[in-house]
Each structure stands twice: as structure tokens, then as C-alpha cells.
Amino acid sequence: MHDLIVDELYDKKSIAAFIWLISQGRELEMSYEGQSFFITSDGSKDNVSMWIDKKEYSFTSVEDMLQLGEIMGRKLIDIWNDIKLGTLF
């Protein structure tokens, strides 16, 4: 089952798969227009953190991070289709 959800993330770029995987403790490297960032729930101040250039941005949920988190001044949810998925840990 887990492998099917990972495939859904990479094959369909499913936001639901992303939310589930991060909520289950997985971590993901991503990039947008050359800016790399890292999503994790391990050791986060709140429930999930986004790390950009060694700076932590904490959110109460993955959904909040998608709606409120920004890369280069743009909300993650607005640039989701342009984000390049990297390694899933």
C-alpha cells in the first residue's frame, strides 16, 4: 500500500499522497526555480517544517504549510505543479 502512495506522489504529483506521506513521517527534498527546500515532521517546532537555506519555517499541519508556506514569495499550493520532487526519505 505504501509503495502505491509513493508512486501516486511521483507519477501523478498527488497533493493527497504528499500530505499523507509527510503526515506519516516521511521527508521530501523539493525544488522550485533552482531554490531547494526540504519538508519534514521530524524534530519540527510544530507538526511540520519547511527548511530553506538552513532556516526553519514551522506549520501546524501539512495542509497549513501548503496554503501558507512560501517559496520565492509564492504559496506552495500555487506553485505545486511547477515544483520538482526530489528524494523521499
PDB file of N, CA and C in Angstrom:
ATOM      1  N   MET A   1       0.816  -1.191   0.000  1.00  0.00           N
ATOM      2  CA  MET A   1       0.000   0.000   0.000  1.00  0.00           C
ATOM      3  C   MET A   1       0.865   1.262   0.000  1.00  0.00           C
ATOM      4  N   HIS A   2       1.875   1.253   0.886  1.00  0.00           N
ATOM      5  CA  HIS A   2       2.752   2.422   0.998  1.00  0.00           C
ATOM      6  C   HIS A   2       3.414   2.729  -0.349  1.00  0.00           C
ATOM      7  N   ASP A   3       3.886   1.698  -1.029  1.00  0.00           N
ATOM      8  CA  ASP A   3       4.545   1.900  -2.324  1.00  0.00           C
ATOM      9  C   ASP A   3       3.587   2.484  -3.359  1.00  0.00           C
ATOM     10  N   LEU A   4       2.321   2.133  -3.297  1.00  0.00           N
ATOM     11  CA  LEU A   4       1.327   2.685  -4.218  1.00  0.00           C
ATOM     12  C   LEU A   4       1.156   4.185  -3.999  1.00  0.00           C
ATOM     13  N   ILE A   5       1.181   4.607  -2.748  1.00  0.00           N
ATOM     14  CA  ILE A   5       1.042   6.029  -2.438  1.00  0.00           C
ATOM     15  C   ILE A   5       2.281   6.795  -2.886  1.00  0.00           C
ATOM     16  N   VAL A   6       3.451   6.214  -2.699  1.00  0.00           N
ATOM     17  CA  VAL A   6       4.687   6.845  -3.186  1.00  0.00           C
ATOM     18  C   VAL A   6       4.626   6.992  -4.702  1.00  0.00           C
ATOM     19  N   ASP A   7       4.182   5.941  -5.393  1.00  0.00           N
ATOM     20  CA  ASP A   7       4.034   6.010  -6.852  1.00  0.00           C
ATOM     21  C   ASP A   7       3.052   7.102  -7.249  1.00  0.00           C
ATOM     22  N   GLU A   8       1.968   7.229  -6.506  1.00  0.00           N
ATOM     23  CA  GLU A   8       0.971   8.265  -6.793  1.00  0.00           C
ATOM     24  C   GLU A   8       1.583   9.661  -6.663  1.00  0.00           C
ATOM     25  N   LEU A   9       2.441   9.838  -5.668  1.00  0.00           N
ATOM     26  CA  LEU A   9       3.109  11.125  -5.495  1.00  0.00           C
ATOM     27  C   LEU A   9       3.971  11.443  -6.708  1.00  0.00           C
ATOM     28  N   TYR A  10       4.811  10.508  -7.107  1.00  0.00           N
ATOM     29  CA  TYR A  10       5.751  10.771  -8.192  1.00  0.00           C
ATOM     30  C   TYR A  10       5.105  10.702  -9.576  1.00  0.00           C
ATOM     31  N   ASP A  11       4.179   9.780  -9.790  1.00  0.00           N
ATOM     32  CA  ASP A  11       3.574   9.624 -11.116  1.00  0.00           C
ATOM     33  C   ASP A  11       2.501  10.672 -11.408  1.00  0.00           C
ATOM     34  N   LYS A  12       1.704  10.987 -10.390  1.00  0.00           N
ATOM     35  CA  LYS A  12       0.578  11.909 -10.591  1.00  0.00           C
ATOM     36  C   LYS A  12       0.767  13.241  -9.885  1.00  0.00           C
ATOM     37  N   LYS A  13       1.834  13.342  -9.115  1.00  0.00           N
ATOM     38  CA  LYS A  13       2.117  14.524  -8.297  1.00  0.00           C
ATOM     39  C   LYS A  13       0.915  14.870  -7.422  1.00  0.00           C
ATOM     40  N   SER A  14       0.404  13.844  -6.791  1.00  0.00           N
ATOM     41  CA  SER A  14      -0.796  13.944  -5.975  1.00  0.00           C
ATOM     42  C   SER A  14      -0.533  14.707  -4.678  1.00  0.00           C
ATOM     43  N   ILE A  15      -1.302  15.759  -4.455  1.00  0.00           N
ATOM     44  CA  ILE A  15      -1.200  16.508  -3.208  1.00  0.00           C
ATOM     45  C   ILE A  15      -1.666  15.635  -2.040  1.00  0.00           C
ATOM     46  N   ALA A  16      -2.699  14.828  -2.263  1.00  0.00           N
ATOM     47  CA  ALA A  16      -3.190  13.938  -1.196  1.00  0.00           C
ATOM     48  C   ALA A  16      -2.098  12.949  -0.781  1.00  0.00           C
ATOM     49  N   ALA A  17      -1.376  12.394  -1.742  1.00  0.00           N
ATOM     50  CA  ALA A  17      -0.279  11.474  -1.425  1.00  0.00           C
ATOM     51  C   ALA A  17       0.820  12.208  -0.663  1.00  0.00           C
ATOM     52  N   PHE A  18       1.143  13.418  -1.076  1.00  0.00           N
ATOM     53  CA  PHE A  18       2.146  14.234  -0.394  1.00  0.00           C
ATOM     54  C   PHE A  18       1.748  14.462   1.064  1.00  0.00           C
ATOM     55  N   ILE A  19       0.505  14.885   1.279  1.00  0.00           N
ATOM     56  CA  ILE A  19       0.018  15.153   2.632  1.00  0.00           C
ATOM     57  C   ILE A  19       0.108  13.882   3.479  1.00  0.00           C
ATOM     58  N   TRP A  20      -0.328  12.763   2.950  1.00  0.00           N
ATOM     59  CA  TRP A  20      -0.318  11.508   3.704  1.00  0.00           C
ATOM     60  C   TRP A  20       1.103  11.089   4.054  1.00  0.00           C
ATOM     61  N   LEU A  21       1.993  11.132   3.076  1.00  0.00           N
ATOM     62  CA  LEU A  21       3.367  10.678   3.303  1.00  0.00           C
ATOM     63  C   LEU A  21       4.080  11.532   4.346  1.00  0.00           C
ATOM     64  N   ILE A  22       3.953  12.850   4.239  1.00  0.00           N
ATOM     65  CA  ILE A  22       4.604  13.729   5.213  1.00  0.00           C
ATOM     66  C   ILE A  22       3.971  13.540   6.589  1.00  0.00           C
ATOM     67  N   SER A  23       2.657  13.392   6.637  1.00  0.00           N
ATOM     68  CA  SER A  23       1.961  13.174   7.909  1.00  0.00           C
ATOM     69  C   SER A  23       2.378  11.858   8.568  1.00  0.00           C
ATOM     70  N   GLN A  24       2.815  10.899   7.767  1.00  0.00           N
ATOM     71  CA  GLN A  24       3.257   9.605   8.279  1.00  0.00           C
ATOM     72  C   GLN A  24       4.742   9.605   8.642  1.00  0.00           C
ATOM     73  N   GLY A  25       5.389  10.758   8.565  1.00  0.00           N
ATOM     74  CA  GLY A  25       6.773  10.860   8.996  1.00  0.00           C
ATOM     75  C   GLY A  25       7.812  10.832   7.886  1.00  0.00           C
ATOM     76  N   ARG A  26       7.376  10.761   6.642  1.00  0.00           N
ATOM     77  CA  ARG A  26       8.341  10.795   5.538  1.00  0.00           C
ATOM     78  C   ARG A  26       8.866  12.220   5.369  1.00  0.00           C
ATOM     79  N   GLU A  27       9.994  12.358   4.709  1.00  0.00           N
ATOM     80  CA  GLU A  27      10.626  13.648   4.441  1.00  0.00           C
ATOM     81  C   GLU A  27      10.890  13.733   2.952  1.00  0.00           C
ATOM     82  N   LEU A  28      10.848  14.950   2.408  1.00  0.00           N
ATOM     83  CA  LEU A  28      10.963  15.109   0.968  1.00  0.00           C
ATOM     84  C   LEU A  28      11.807  16.320   0.609  1.00  0.00           C
ATOM     85  N   GLU A  29      12.762  16.088  -0.286  1.00  0.00           N
ATOM     86  CA  GLU A  29      13.519  17.188  -0.883  1.00  0.00           C
ATOM     87  C   GLU A  29      12.759  17.646  -2.116  1.00  0.00           C
ATOM     88  N   MET A  30      12.706  18.962  -2.327  1.00  0.00           N
ATOM     89  CA  MET A  30      11.997  19.526  -3.463  1.00  0.00           C
ATOM     90  C   MET A  30      12.764  20.747  -3.959  1.00  0.00           C
ATOM     91  N   SER A  31      12.391  21.236  -5.137  1.00  0.00           N
ATOM     92  CA  SER A  31      12.986  22.484  -5.620  1.00  0.00           C
ATOM     93  C   SER A  31      11.984  23.229  -6.493  1.00  0.00           C
ATOM     94  N   TYR A  32      12.186  24.531  -6.544  1.00  0.00           N
ATOM     95  CA  TYR A  32      11.357  25.405  -7.363  1.00  0.00           C
ATOM     96  C   TYR A  32      12.264  26.483  -7.932  1.00  0.00           C
ATOM     97  N   GLU A  33      12.345  26.547  -9.235  1.00  0.00           N
ATOM     98  CA  GLU A  33      13.175  27.537  -9.937  1.00  0.00           C
ATOM     99  C   GLU A  33      14.575  27.644  -9.332  1.00  0.00           C
ATOM    100  N   GLY A  34      15.179  26.494  -9.076  1.00  0.00           N
ATOM    101  CA  GLY A  34      16.548  26.456  -8.564  1.00  0.00           C
ATOM    102  C   GLY A  34      16.671  26.599  -7.057  1.00  0.00           C
ATOM    103  N   GLN A  35      15.580  26.907  -6.366  1.00  0.00           N
ATOM    104  CA  GLN A  35      15.604  27.037  -4.903  1.00  0.00           C
ATOM    105  C   GLN A  35      15.243  25.692  -4.299  1.00  0.00           C
ATOM    106  N   SER A  36      16.195  25.084  -3.586  1.00  0.00           N
ATOM    107  CA  SER A  36      15.948  23.798  -2.938  1.00  0.00           C
ATOM    108  C   SER A  36      15.342  24.007  -1.563  1.00  0.00           C
ATOM    109  N   PHE A  37      14.488  23.081  -1.169  1.00  0.00           N
ATOM    110  CA  PHE A  37      13.915  23.105   0.170  1.00  0.00           C
ATOM    111  C   PHE A  37      13.588  21.689   0.597  1.00  0.00           C
ATOM    112  N   PHE A  38      13.356  21.537   1.881  1.00  0.00           N
ATOM    113  CA  PHE A  38      13.198  20.225   2.493  1.00  0.00           C
ATOM    114  C   PHE A  38      11.992  20.261   3.420  1.00  0.00           C
ATOM    115  N   ILE A  39      11.133  19.245   3.329  1.00  0.00           N
ATOM    116  CA  ILE A  39       9.933  19.147   4.156  1.00  0.00           C
ATOM    117  C   ILE A  39      10.109  17.976   5.123  1.00  0.00           C
ATOM    118  N   THR A  40       9.829  18.225   6.404  1.00  0.00           N
ATOM    119  CA  THR A  40       9.973  17.182   7.410  1.00  0.00           C
ATOM    120  C   THR A  40       9.015  17.413   8.571  1.00  0.00           C
ATOM    121  N   SER A  41       8.705  16.342   9.266  1.00  0.00           N
ATOM    122  CA  SER A  41       7.965  16.469  10.525  1.00  0.00           C
ATOM    123  C   SER A  41       8.859  16.040  11.694  1.00  0.00           C
ATOM    124  N   ASP A  42      10.043  15.550  11.397  1.00  0.00           N
ATOM    125  CA  ASP A  42      10.978  15.084  12.412  1.00  0.00           C
ATOM    126  C   ASP A  42      11.641  16.267  13.112  1.00  0.00           C
ATOM    127  N   GLY A  43      11.403  16.416  14.395  1.00  0.00           N
ATOM    128  CA  GLY A  43      12.027  17.479  15.168  1.00  0.00           C
ATOM    129  C   GLY A  43      11.464  18.856  14.905  1.00  0.00           C
ATOM    130  N   SER A  44      10.315  18.927  14.248  1.00  0.00           N
ATOM    131  CA  SER A  44       9.700  20.204  13.922  1.00  0.00           C
ATOM    132  C   SER A  44       9.199  20.910  15.178  1.00  0.00           C
ATOM    133  N   LYS A  45       9.243  22.236  15.165  1.00  0.00           N
ATOM    134  CA  LYS A  45       8.706  23.018  16.275  1.00  0.00           C
ATOM    135  C   LYS A  45       7.205  22.780  16.408  1.00  0.00           C
ATOM    136  N   ASP A  46       6.517  22.675  15.288  1.00  0.00           N
ATOM    137  CA  ASP A  46       5.086  22.364  15.285  1.00  0.00           C
ATOM    138  C   ASP A  46       4.935  20.944  14.749  1.00  0.00           C
ATOM    139  N   ASN A  47       4.055  20.727  13.804  1.00  0.00           N
ATOM    140  CA  ASN A  47       3.860  19.391  13.247  1.00  0.00           C
ATOM    141  C   ASN A  47       4.695  19.135  12.002  1.00  0.00           C
ATOM    142  N   VAL A  48       4.982  20.174  11.243  1.00  0.00           N
ATOM    143  CA  VAL A  48       5.744  20.009  10.003  1.00  0.00           C
ATOM    144  C   VAL A  48       6.583  21.262   9.763  1.00  0.00           C
ATOM    145  N   SER A  49       7.756  21.056   9.188  1.00  0.00           N
ATOM    146  CA  SER A  49       8.650  22.178   8.905  1.00  0.00           C
ATOM    147  C   SER A  49       9.110  22.144   7.464  1.00  0.00           C
ATOM    148  N   MET A  50       9.341  23.335   6.948  1.00  0.00           N
ATOM    149  CA  MET A  50       9.940  23.515   5.641  1.00  0.00           C
ATOM    150  C   MET A  50      11.271  24.229   5.889  1.00  0.00           C
ATOM    151  N   TRP A  51      12.337  23.624   5.399  1.00  0.00           N
ATOM    152  CA  TRP A  51      13.678  24.196   5.576  1.00  0.00           C
ATOM    153  C   TRP A  51      14.147  24.788   4.253  1.00  0.00           C
ATOM    154  N   ILE A  52      14.512  26.075   4.295  1.00  0.00           N
ATOM    155  CA  ILE A  52      15.049  26.761   3.131  1.00  0.00           C
ATOM    156  C   ILE A  52      16.328  27.456   3.582  1.00  0.00           C
ATOM    157  N   ASP A  53      17.435  27.145   2.934  1.00  0.00           N
ATOM    158  CA  ASP A  53      18.726  27.762   3.283  1.00  0.00           C
ATOM    159  C   ASP A  53      18.996  27.713   4.787  1.00  0.00           C
ATOM    160  N   LYS A  54      18.824  26.539   5.390  1.00  0.00           N
ATOM    161  CA  LYS A  54      19.096  26.300   6.808  1.00  0.00           C
ATOM    162  C   LYS A  54      18.185  27.082   7.755  1.00  0.00           C
ATOM    163  N   LYS A  55      17.071  27.628   7.237  1.00  0.00           N
ATOM    164  CA  LYS A  55      16.107  28.332   8.068  1.00  0.00           C
ATOM    165  C   LYS A  55      14.817  27.525   8.105  1.00  0.00           C
ATOM    166  N   GLU A  56      14.292  27.342   9.330  1.00  0.00           N
ATOM    167  CA  GLU A  56      13.090  26.540   9.521  1.00  0.00           C
ATOM    168  C   GLU A  56      11.841  27.413   9.525  1.00  0.00           C
ATOM    169  N   TYR A  57      10.828  26.946   8.795  1.00  0.00           N
ATOM    170  CA  TYR A  57       9.502  27.557   8.804  1.00  0.00           C
ATOM    171  C   TYR A  57       8.546  26.461   9.277  1.00  0.00           C
ATOM    172  N   SER A  58       7.920  26.657  10.434  1.00  0.00           N
ATOM    173  CA  SER A  58       7.087  25.622  11.049  1.00  0.00           C
ATOM    174  C   SER A  58       5.604  25.889  10.825  1.00  0.00           C
ATOM    175  N   PHE A  59       4.847  24.799  10.707  1.00  0.00           N
ATOM    176  CA  PHE A  59       3.413  24.873  10.470  1.00  0.00           C
ATOM    177  C   PHE A  59       2.717  23.820  11.319  1.00  0.00           C
ATOM    178  N   THR A  60       1.449  24.048  11.621  1.00  0.00           N
ATOM    179  CA  THR A  60       0.701  23.125  12.456  1.00  0.00           C
ATOM    180  C   THR A  60       0.254  21.879  11.705  1.00  0.00           C
ATOM    181  N   SER A  61       0.227  21.951  10.377  1.00  0.00           N
ATOM    182  CA  SER A  61      -0.169  20.795   9.568  1.00  0.00           C
ATOM    183  C   SER A  61       0.418  20.912   8.170  1.00  0.00           C
ATOM    184  N   VAL A  62       0.413  19.813   7.459  1.00  0.00           N
ATOM    185  CA  VAL A  62       0.887  19.822   6.070  1.00  0.00           C
ATOM    186  C   VAL A  62      -0.028  20.709   5.231  1.00  0.00           C
ATOM    187  N   GLU A  63      -1.330  20.651   5.512  1.00  0.00           N
ATOM    188  CA  GLU A  63      -2.275  21.489   4.770  1.00  0.00           C
ATOM    189  C   GLU A  63      -1.978  22.970   4.986  1.00  0.00           C
ATOM    190  N   ASP A  64      -1.691  23.367   6.240  1.00  0.00           N
ATOM    191  CA  ASP A  64      -1.332  24.763   6.512  1.00  0.00           C
ATOM    192  C   ASP A  64      -0.059  25.149   5.771  1.00  0.00           C
ATOM    193  N   MET A  65       0.911  24.248   5.756  1.00  0.00           N
ATOM    194  CA  MET A  65       2.154  24.535   5.053  1.00  0.00           C
ATOM    195  C   MET A  65       1.888  24.783   3.568  1.00  0.00           C
ATOM    196  N   LEU A  66       1.052  23.956   2.954  1.00  0.00           N
ATOM    197  CA  LEU A  66       0.736  24.136   1.534  1.00  0.00           C
ATOM    198  C   LEU A  66       0.054  25.476   1.275  1.00  0.00           C
ATOM    199  N   GLN A  67      -0.820  25.891   2.174  1.00  0.00           N
ATOM    200  CA  GLN A  67      -1.580  27.120   1.973  1.00  0.00           C
ATOM    201  C   GLN A  67      -0.835  28.373   2.408  1.00  0.00           C
ATOM    202  N   LEU A  68       0.049  28.250   3.404  1.00  0.00           N
ATOM    203  CA  LEU A  68       0.721  29.419   3.968  1.00  0.00           C
ATOM    204  C   LEU A  68       2.210  29.501   3.652  1.00  0.00           C
ATOM    205  N   GLY A  69       2.840  28.348   3.434  1.00  0.00           N
ATOM    206  CA  GLY A  69       4.267  28.319   3.163  1.00  0.00           C
ATOM    207  C   GLY A  69       4.591  28.936   1.811  1.00  0.00           C
ATOM    208  N   GLU A  70       5.718  29.625   1.753  1.00  0.00           N
ATOM    209  CA  GLU A  70       6.103  30.302   0.521  1.00  0.00           C
ATOM    210  C   GLU A  70       7.529  29.958   0.102  1.00  0.00           C
ATOM    211  N   ILE A  71       7.694  29.871  -1.190  1.00  0.00           N
ATOM    212  CA  ILE A  71       9.000  29.760  -1.831  1.00  0.00           C
ATOM    213  C   ILE A  71       9.095  30.912  -2.812  1.00  0.00           C
ATOM    214  N   MET A  72      10.104  31.729  -2.648  1.00  0.00           N
ATOM    215  CA  MET A  72      10.329  32.864  -3.539  1.00  0.00           C
ATOM    216  C   MET A  72       9.078  33.745  -3.647  1.00  0.00           C
ATOM    217  N   GLY A  73       8.394  33.916  -2.499  1.00  0.00           N
ATOM    218  CA  GLY A  73       7.226  34.785  -2.455  1.00  0.00           C
ATOM    219  C   GLY A  73       5.945  34.188  -3.011  1.00  0.00           C
ATOM    220  N   ARG A  74       5.962  32.899  -3.323  1.00  0.00           N
ATOM    221  CA  ARG A  74       4.770  32.241  -3.883  1.00  0.00           C
ATOM    222  C   ARG A  74       4.331  31.111  -2.975  1.00  0.00           C
ATOM    223  N   LYS A  75       3.029  31.001  -2.759  1.00  0.00           N
ATOM    224  CA  LYS A  75       2.464  29.946  -1.923  1.00  0.00           C
ATOM    225  C   LYS A  75       2.736  28.580  -2.553  1.00  0.00           C
ATOM    226  N   LEU A  76       3.065  27.604  -1.712  1.00  0.00           N
ATOM    227  CA  LEU A  76       3.341  26.255  -2.210  1.00  0.00           C
ATOM    228  C   LEU A  76       2.184  25.707  -3.033  1.00  0.00           C
ATOM    229  N   ILE A  77       0.968  25.898  -2.564  1.00  0.00           N
ATOM    230  CA  ILE A  77      -0.187  25.370  -3.271  1.00  0.00           C
ATOM    231  C   ILE A  77      -0.303  25.968  -4.678  1.00  0.00           C
ATOM    232  N   ASP A  78       0.113  27.221  -4.839  1.00  0.00           N
ATOM    233  CA  ASP A  78       0.017  27.898  -6.138  1.00  0.00           C
ATOM    234  C   ASP A  78       1.081  27.442  -7.125  1.00  0.00           C
ATOM    235  N   ILE A  79       2.200  26.938  -6.608  1.00  0.00           N
ATOM    236  CA  ILE A  79       3.299  26.523  -7.495  1.00  0.00           C
ATOM    237  C   ILE A  79       3.473  25.008  -7.519  1.00  0.00           C
ATOM    238  N   TRP A  80       2.554  24.282  -6.889  1.00  0.00           N
ATOM    239  CA  TRP A  80       2.686  22.828  -6.757  1.00  0.00           C
ATOM    240  C   TRP A  80       3.050  22.148  -8.072  1.00  0.00           C
ATOM    241  N   ASN A  81       2.390  22.506  -9.155  1.00  0.00           N
ATOM    242  CA  ASN A  81       2.649  21.843 -10.440  1.00  0.00           C
ATOM    243  C   ASN A  81       4.031  22.148 -11.007  1.00  0.00           C
ATOM    244  N   ASP A  82       4.655  23.226 -10.548  1.00  0.00           N
ATOM    245  CA  ASP A  82       5.982  23.609 -11.037  1.00  0.00           C
ATOM    246  C   ASP A  82       7.116  23.149 -10.128  1.00  0.00           C
ATOM    247  N   ILE A  83       6.773  22.611  -8.971  1.00  0.00           N
ATOM    248  CA  ILE A  83       7.778  22.116  -8.027  1.00  0.00           C
ATOM    249  C   ILE A  83       8.340  20.793  -8.557  1.00  0.00           C
ATOM    250  N   LYS A  84       9.659  20.639  -8.443  1.00  0.00           N
ATOM    251  CA  LYS A  84      10.308  19.390  -8.813  1.00  0.00           C
ATOM    252  C   LYS A  84      10.508  18.560  -7.555  1.00  0.00           C
ATOM    253  N   LEU A  85       9.974  17.354  -7.579  1.00  0.00           N
ATOM    254  CA  LEU A  85      10.118  16.452  -6.449  1.00  0.00           C
ATOM    255  C   LEU A  85      11.481  15.808  -6.467  1.00  0.00           C
ATOM    256  N   GLY A  86      12.124  15.765  -5.310  1.00  0.00           N
ATOM    257  CA  GLY A  86      13.427  15.124  -5.192  1.00  0.00           C
ATOM    258  C   GLY A  86      13.306  13.805  -4.452  1.00  0.00           C
ATOM    259  N   THR A  87      14.248  13.577  -3.571  1.00  0.00           N
ATOM    260  CA  THR A  87      14.321  12.319  -2.832  1.00  0.00           C
ATOM    261  C   THR A  87      13.321  12.293  -1.685  1.00  0.00           C
ATOM    262  N   LEU A  88      12.626  11.174  -1.571  1.00  0.00           N
ATOM    263  CA  LEU A  88      11.713  10.925  -0.458  1.00  0.00           C
ATOM    264  C   LEU A  88      12.454  10.034   0.537  1.00  0.00           C
ATOM    265  N   PHE A  89      12.542  10.491   1.769  1.00  0.00           N
ATOM    266  CA  PHE A  89      13.216   9.730   2.830  1.00  0.00           C
ATOM    267  C   PHE A  89      12.178   9.099   3.740  1.00  0.00           C
TER     268      PHE A  89
END
